C-alpha atoms as a PDB file:
ATOM      1  CA  MET A   1       4.173  21.040 -16.533  1.00  0.00           C
ATOM      2  CA  TYR A   2       2.230  18.393 -14.645  1.00  0.00           C
ATOM      3  CA  THR A   3       2.835  14.785 -15.668  1.00  0.00           C
ATOM      4  CA  VAL A   4       1.215  11.617 -14.397  1.00  0.00           C
ATOM      5  CA  THR A   5       2.510   8.150 -15.232  1.00  0.00           C
ATOM      6  CA  GLY A   6       1.025   4.841 -14.146  1.00  0.00           C
ATOM      7  CA  LYS A   7       2.296   1.294 -14.450  1.00  0.00           C
ATOM      8  CA  LEU A   8       0.581  -1.930 -13.450  1.00  0.00           C
ATOM      9  CA  THR A   9       2.529  -5.136 -12.913  1.00  0.00           C
ATOM     10  CA  VAL A  10       0.679  -8.390 -12.263  1.00  0.00           C
ATOM     11  CA  TYR A  11       2.869 -11.245 -11.058  1.00  0.00           C
ATOM     12  CA  PHE A  12       2.602 -14.527  -9.194  1.00  0.00           C
ATOM     13  CA  GLU A  13       3.756 -14.430  -5.584  1.00  0.00           C
ATOM     14  CA  GLU A  14       3.267 -17.859  -4.054  1.00  0.00           C
ATOM     15  CA  PRO A  15       0.316 -18.751  -3.558  1.00  0.00           C
ATOM     16  CA  PHE A  16      -1.581 -15.718  -4.990  1.00  0.00           C
ATOM     17  CA  TRP A  17      -1.518 -13.370  -7.966  1.00  0.00           C
ATOM     18  CA  VAL A  18      -0.567  -9.840  -6.976  1.00  0.00           C
ATOM     19  CA  GLY A  19      -1.026  -6.532  -8.765  1.00  0.00           C
ATOM     20  CA  LEU A  20       1.441  -3.730  -8.140  1.00  0.00           C
ATOM     21  CA  TYR A  21       0.328  -0.286  -9.279  1.00  0.00           C
ATOM     22  CA  GLU A  22       3.087   2.320  -9.551  1.00  0.00           C
ATOM     23  CA  PHE A  23       1.900   5.908  -9.846  1.00  0.00           C
ATOM     24  CA  ILE A  24       4.300   8.783 -10.574  1.00  0.00           C
ATOM     25  CA  THR A  25       3.117  12.391 -10.170  1.00  0.00           C
ATOM     26  CA  ASP A  26       5.519  15.334 -10.366  1.00  0.00           C
ATOM     27  CA  GLY A  27       8.517  13.046  -9.871  1.00  0.00           C
ATOM     28  CA  LYS A  28       7.090  11.347  -6.757  1.00  0.00           C
ATOM     29  CA  LEU A  29       6.502   7.594  -6.814  1.00  0.00           C
ATOM     30  CA  GLN A  30       3.578   6.020  -4.961  1.00  0.00           C
ATOM     31  CA  VAL A  31       2.845   2.301  -4.908  1.00  0.00           C
ATOM     32  CA  SER A  32      -0.223   0.227  -4.102  1.00  0.00           C
ATOM     33  CA  ARG A  33      -0.340  -3.553  -3.824  1.00  0.00           C
ATOM     34  CA  VAL A  34      -3.473  -5.598  -4.508  1.00  0.00           C
ATOM     35  CA  VAL A  35      -3.835  -9.346  -3.962  1.00  0.00           C
ATOM     36  CA  PHE A  36      -6.087 -10.935  -6.579  1.00  0.00           C
ATOM     37  CA  GLY A  37      -6.078 -14.578  -5.485  1.00  0.00           C
ATOM     38  CA  PRO A  38      -6.567 -16.771  -8.573  1.00  0.00           C
ATOM     39  CA  GLU A  39      -5.079 -15.636 -11.872  1.00  0.00           C
ATOM     40  CA  PRO A  40      -7.083 -12.607 -13.014  1.00  0.00           C
ATOM     41  CA  LYS A  41      -8.139 -12.020 -16.591  1.00  0.00           C
ATOM     42  CA  ASN A  42      -7.268  -8.702 -18.280  1.00  0.00           C
ATOM     43  CA  TYR A  43     -10.815  -7.400 -18.058  1.00  0.00           C
ATOM     44  CA  GLU A  44     -10.999  -8.350 -14.352  1.00  0.00           C
ATOM     45  CA  VAL A  45      -7.849  -6.345 -13.583  1.00  0.00           C
ATOM     46  CA  TYR A  46      -9.124  -3.375 -15.589  1.00  0.00           C
ATOM     47  CA  ASN A  47     -12.545  -3.573 -13.926  1.00  0.00           C
ATOM     48  CA  HIS A  48     -10.982  -3.849 -10.463  1.00  0.00           C
ATOM     49  CA  PHE A  49      -8.988  -0.650 -10.874  1.00  0.00           C
ATOM     50  CA  LEU A  50     -11.916   1.219 -12.412  1.00  0.00           C
ATOM     51  CA  ILE A  51     -14.214   0.331  -9.523  1.00  0.00           C
ATOM     52  CA  ASN A  52     -11.750   0.370  -6.603  1.00  0.00           C
ATOM     53  CA  TRP A  53      -9.499   3.272  -7.624  1.00  0.00           C
ATOM     54  CA  ASN A  54     -10.648   5.449  -4.682  1.00  0.00           C
ATOM     55  CA  LYS A  55     -10.144   2.608  -2.210  1.00  0.00           C
ATOM     56  CA  LEU A  56      -6.522   1.914  -3.171  1.00  0.00           C
ATOM     57  CA  CYS A  57      -4.086   2.588  -0.347  1.00  0.00           C
ATOM     58  CA  PHE A  58      -0.953   4.153  -1.844  1.00  0.00           C
ATOM     59  CA  SER A  59       2.379   4.351  -0.070  1.00  0.00           C
ATOM     60  CA  PRO A  60       3.810   7.717   0.971  1.00  0.00           C
ATOM     61  CA  PRO A  61       5.455   9.508  -1.984  1.00  0.00           C
ATOM     62  CA  ILE A  62       9.115   8.781  -2.668  1.00  0.00           C
ATOM     63  CA  GLU A  63      11.273  11.118  -4.742  1.00  0.00           C
ATOM     64  CA  GLU A  64      11.820   9.584  -8.190  1.00  0.00           C
ATOM     65  CA  ARG A  65      14.884  10.676 -10.128  1.00  0.00           C
ATOM     66  CA  PHE A  66      14.613  10.367 -13.876  1.00  0.00           C
ATOM     67  CA  GLU A  67      15.688  12.205 -16.987  1.00  0.00           C
ATOM     68  CA  LEU A  68      13.317  13.853 -19.432  1.00  0.00           C
ATOM     69  CA  LYS A  69      12.064  11.386 -22.012  1.00  0.00           C
ATOM     70  CA  ARG A  70      12.822  11.964 -25.651  1.00  0.00           C
ATOM     71  CA  LYS A  71      10.806  10.633 -28.533  1.00  0.00           C
ATOM     72  CA  ILE A  72      11.569   6.918 -28.811  1.00  0.00           C
ATOM     73  CA  ASN A  73      11.804   4.910 -31.982  1.00  0.00           C
ATOM     74  CA  PRO A  74       8.701   2.660 -32.229  1.00  0.00           C
ATOM     75  CA  LYS A  75      10.770  -0.520 -32.693  1.00  0.00           C
ATOM     76  CA  ARG A  76      12.878   0.340 -29.639  1.00  0.00           C
ATOM     77  CA  MET A  77       9.699   1.002 -27.664  1.00  0.00           C
ATOM     78  CA  GLN A  78       8.285  -2.347 -28.782  1.00  0.00           C
ATOM     79  CA  ARG A  79      11.463  -4.117 -27.616  1.00  0.00           C
ATOM     80  CA  ALA A  80      11.314  -2.279 -24.277  1.00  0.00           C
ATOM     81  CA  ILE A  81       7.673  -3.309 -23.794  1.00  0.00           C
ATOM     82  CA  SER A  82       8.457  -6.952 -24.577  1.00  0.00           C
ATOM     83  CA  ASN A  83      11.356  -6.818 -22.087  1.00  0.00           C
ATOM     84  CA  GLN A  84       9.022  -5.416 -19.424  1.00  0.00           C
ATOM     85  CA  LEU A  85       6.478  -8.139 -20.129  1.00  0.00           C
ATOM     86  CA  THR A  86       9.105 -10.866 -19.721  1.00  0.00           C
ATOM     87  CA  ASN A  87      10.576  -9.200 -16.638  1.00  0.00           C
ATOM     88  CA  ILE A  88       8.974 -10.859 -13.627  1.00  0.00           C
ATOM     89  CA  GLY A  89       8.890  -9.119 -10.261  1.00  0.00           C
ATOM     90  CA  ILE A  90       8.857  -5.576  -9.000  1.00  0.00           C
ATOM     91  CA  GLY A  91      11.403  -2.777  -9.055  1.00  0.00           C
ATOM     92  CA  THR A  92      13.493  -1.851  -6.057  1.00  0.00           C
ATOM     93  CA  LYS A  93      11.867   1.606  -5.815  1.00  0.00           C
ATOM     94  CA  ALA A  94       8.472  -0.060  -5.622  1.00  0.00           C
ATOM     95  CA  GLN A  95       9.748  -2.458  -2.969  1.00  0.00           C
ATOM     96  CA  GLN A  96      11.051   0.471  -0.926  1.00  0.00           C
ATOM     97  CA  ALA A  97       7.711   2.246  -1.226  1.00  0.00           C
ATOM     98  CA  LEU A  98       5.829  -0.876  -0.128  1.00  0.00           C
ATOM     99  CA  LYS A  99       8.195  -1.335   2.802  1.00  0.00           C
ATOM    100  CA  LEU A 100       7.660   2.282   3.836  1.00  0.00           C
ATOM    101  CA  GLN A 101       3.892   1.815   3.652  1.00  0.00           C
ATOM    102  CA  GLN A 102       4.148  -1.387   5.711  1.00  0.00           C
ATOM    103  CA  GLU A 103       6.244   0.333   8.394  1.00  0.00           C
ATOM    104  CA  GLN A 104       3.838   3.262   8.507  1.00  0.00           C
ATOM    105  CA  SER A 105       0.820   1.006   9.002  1.00  0.00           C
ATOM    106  CA  LYS A 106       2.758  -0.968  11.617  1.00  0.00           C
ATOM    107  CA  SER A 107       3.486   2.176  13.645  1.00  0.00           C
ATOM    108  CA  GLU A 108      -0.167   3.273  13.353  1.00  0.00           C
ATOM    109  CA  ARG A 109      -1.278  -0.151  14.554  1.00  0.00           C
ATOM    110  CA  LYS A 110       1.152   0.003  17.497  1.00  0.00           C
ATOM    111  CA  THR A 111      -0.090   3.419  18.635  1.00  0.00           C
ATOM    112  CA  TYR A 112      -3.722   2.310  18.297  1.00  0.00           C
ATOM    113  CA  ASN A 113      -3.081  -0.872  20.340  1.00  0.00           C
ATOM    114  CA  ARG A 114      -1.142   1.104  22.969  1.00  0.00           C
ATOM    115  CA  GLN A 115      -4.008   3.585  23.364  1.00  0.00           C
ATOM    116  CA  LYS A 116      -6.519   0.740  23.521  1.00  0.00           C
ATOM    117  CA  SER A 117      -4.595  -1.029  26.288  1.00  0.00           C
ATOM    118  CA  GLU A 118      -4.259   2.254  28.217  1.00  0.00           C
ATOM    119  CA  ARG A 119      -8.021   2.801  27.995  1.00  0.00           C
ATOM    120  CA  GLU A 120      -8.589  -0.775  29.185  1.00  0.00           C
ATOM    121  CA  LYS A 121      -6.197  -0.301  32.141  1.00  0.00           C
ATOM    122  CA  GLN A 122      -7.895   2.975  33.068  1.00  0.00           C
ATOM    123  CA  PHE A 123     -11.313   1.312  32.907  1.00  0.00           C
ATOM    124  CA  GLN A 124     -10.158  -1.569  35.135  1.00  0.00           C
ATOM    125  CA  PHE A 125      -8.634   0.907  37.609  1.00  0.00           C
ATOM    126  CA  GLU A 126     -11.871   2.927  37.791  1.00  0.00           C
ATOM    127  CA  LEU A 127     -13.848  -0.287  38.260  1.00  0.00           C
ATOM    128  CA  ARG A 128     -11.626  -1.300  41.204  1.00  0.00           C
ATOM    129  CA  GLN A 129     -11.954   2.149  42.758  1.00  0.00           C
ATOM    130  CA  GLN A 130     -15.736   1.998  42.411  1.00  0.00           C
ATOM    131  CA  LYS A 131     -15.854  -1.439  44.078  1.00  0.00           C
ATOM    132  CA  LYS A 132     -13.726  -0.165  46.970  1.00  0.00           C
ATOM    133  CA  LYS A 133     -16.109   2.759  47.508  1.00  0.00           C
ATOM    134  CA  GLU A 134     -19.148   0.480  47.428  1.00  0.00           C
ATOM    135  CA  LYS A 135     -17.586  -1.792  50.095  1.00  0.00           C
ATOM    136  CA  HIS A 136     -17.101   1.130  52.499  1.00  0.00           C
ATOM    137  CA  LYS A 137     -20.467   2.792  51.883  1.00  0.00           C
ATOM    138  CA  GLY A 138     -22.291   0.842  54.587  1.00  0.00           C
ATOM    139  CA  ARG A 139     -19.907   1.715  57.466  1.00  0.00           C
END
């Protein structure tokens, strides 16, 4: 059985509105964070995810432990939804996934910058060697 569950939380994180999209596939949680800027309307959020779904950068999958869901009483479900709507902020699993994504991008950035500086050093070295050869050509 293949199940997919998605959850979008829009909250205010000083000074911008942020959307946090949690995506669970086969028990693995992935999270993507989007900064909206000013307070988005419902149709703007919906439109944004329809258009930019392929461009979303999700965190690496984290194992999600949960029990199988039984059929829930509609009134209980309504209370749970109202509790989620009043609950401001993001879950700890989502925070961990975002932190993992941030660390991963940080390490990628470090390796890219290290390679760039090595290429620059190599270029400068070759330039110096070439100048030395040109100085001694006339002798």
